[in-house]
Protein backbone atom coordinates (compact mmCIF):
# COMPACT_ATOMS: atom_id res chain seq x y z
CA MET A 1 25.20 8.57 -4.54
CA THR A 2 23.15 5.38 -4.90
CA VAL A 3 19.47 5.80 -5.72
CA HIS A 4 17.18 3.03 -4.46
CA HIS A 5 14.66 1.82 -6.98
CA THR A 6 12.23 0.31 -4.50
CA ARG A 7 9.68 3.12 -4.94
CA TRP A 8 7.31 1.40 -2.50
CA GLY A 9 7.09 1.65 1.26
CA PRO A 10 6.75 -1.41 3.49
CA TRP A 11 3.67 -3.63 3.47
CA ILE A 12 1.17 -2.60 6.17
CA SER A 13 -1.61 -4.85 7.50
CA HIS A 14 -5.09 -3.41 7.17
CA ASP A 15 -8.00 -4.17 9.50
CA GLY A 16 -10.85 -2.98 7.28
CA LYS A 17 -11.63 0.06 9.43
CA GLY A 18 -11.53 2.70 6.72
CA MET A 19 -9.00 4.28 4.41
CA PRO A 20 -5.75 4.93 6.35
CA VAL A 21 -4.08 7.02 3.62
CA PRO A 22 -5.07 10.38 2.11
CA ALA A 23 -7.28 10.29 -0.98
CA GLY A 24 -5.14 10.43 -4.10
CA THR A 25 -2.33 8.28 -2.64
CA ILE A 26 -1.00 5.68 -5.07
CA VAL A 27 -1.05 2.32 -3.34
CA GLU A 28 -0.43 -1.32 -4.11
CA VAL A 29 -3.02 -3.44 -2.33
CA PHE A 30 -3.23 -7.12 -1.59
CA SER A 31 -6.25 -9.27 -0.78
CA ASP A 32 -5.48 -12.68 0.71
CA GLU A 33 -8.17 -14.20 -1.51
CA ASP A 34 -11.24 -13.28 -3.47
CA PRO A 35 -13.93 -14.20 -0.92
CA ARG A 36 -16.52 -14.59 -3.68
CA ASN A 37 -14.32 -17.03 -5.59
CA PRO A 38 -11.53 -18.47 -3.37
CA ARG A 39 -10.17 -20.47 -6.30
CA ASN A 40 -8.81 -17.18 -7.68
CA GLY A 41 -6.37 -17.03 -4.74
CA PRO A 42 -4.61 -13.83 -3.68
CA VAL A 43 -5.21 -10.63 -5.63
CA CYS A 44 -2.74 -7.73 -5.96
CA ARG A 45 -3.61 -4.40 -7.60
CA VAL A 46 -2.23 -0.89 -7.93
CA GLY A 47 -4.64 2.02 -7.72
CA VAL A 48 -5.42 5.46 -6.34
CA ALA A 49 -6.91 5.53 -2.85
CA GLY A 50 -10.30 7.23 -2.84
CA VAL A 51 -10.60 7.05 -6.63
CA ASP A 52 -10.15 3.42 -7.77
CA LEU A 53 -10.06 1.89 -4.32
CA VAL A 54 -13.00 3.28 -2.40
CA ASN A 55 -15.09 0.52 -0.83
CA SER A 56 -12.26 -2.01 -0.52
CA TRP A 57 -10.91 -0.25 2.59
CA HIS A 58 -14.13 -0.86 4.55
CA TRP A 59 -14.86 -4.45 5.56
CA THR A 60 -15.53 -6.69 8.52
CA PRO A 61 -15.13 -10.45 8.79
CA GLN A 62 -18.89 -10.70 8.26
CA THR A 63 -18.98 -8.54 5.09
CA ARG A 64 -15.85 -9.89 3.34
CA SER A 65 -17.80 -12.39 1.26
CA THR A 66 -20.83 -10.21 0.51
CA GLN A 67 -19.40 -6.84 -0.51
CA ARG A 68 -18.78 -6.04 -4.17
CA SER A 69 -15.21 -4.78 -3.68
CA LEU A 70 -12.30 -7.00 -2.76
CA PRO A 71 -11.23 -6.41 0.85
CA ILE A 72 -7.76 -4.91 1.28
CA ASP A 73 -5.70 -7.00 3.71
CA ARG A 74 -2.33 -5.30 3.15
CA TYR A 75 -1.19 -2.17 1.35
CA ARG A 76 1.93 -0.18 0.64
CA VAL A 77 2.36 3.38 -0.52
CA LYS A 78 4.26 4.44 -3.61
CA ARG A 79 7.02 6.82 -2.59
CA PRO A 80 7.70 9.98 -4.58
CA ARG A 81 10.96 9.91 -6.55
CA GLY A 82 12.25 12.82 -4.45
CA LEU A 83 11.95 10.71 -1.30
CA ASP A 84 14.04 7.97 -2.92
CA VAL A 85 16.75 10.54 -3.68
CA LEU A 86 16.59 11.91 -0.13
CA LEU A 87 16.85 8.43 1.38
CA ALA A 88 19.81 7.70 -0.86
CA VAL A 89 21.79 10.73 0.37
CA MET A 90 20.89 10.37 4.05
CA PRO A 91 23.74 7.93 4.83
CA ASP A 92 26.19 10.43 3.29
CA VAL A 93 24.81 13.25 5.48
CA ARG A 94 25.18 11.16 8.63
CA GLU A 95 28.80 10.40 7.76
CA LEU A 96 29.50 14.15 7.44
CA GLU A 97 27.95 14.83 10.86
CA ASP A 98 30.29 12.30 12.49
CA ALA A 99 33.38 13.86 10.89
């Protein structure tokens, strides 16, 4: 059995229309740039949705440069270790079904 060490789901684009994950979800978020200081370039952070990352989920093109929190442009969810194990054994289960 091979265990994948990715631990993160795929990157998902975010439109600024609220928090798309349940509060308490561990996420890695990416902002294309700090609108208050574009020289800083892209910003990537890991946090807990609804705890660390509250206001960053809510933005519009008009509020990106005026809000205090960095706008989240993309995010990905940290997968539980059990899901990694399950995904690792799934190919083996499919092979047994075909036998």
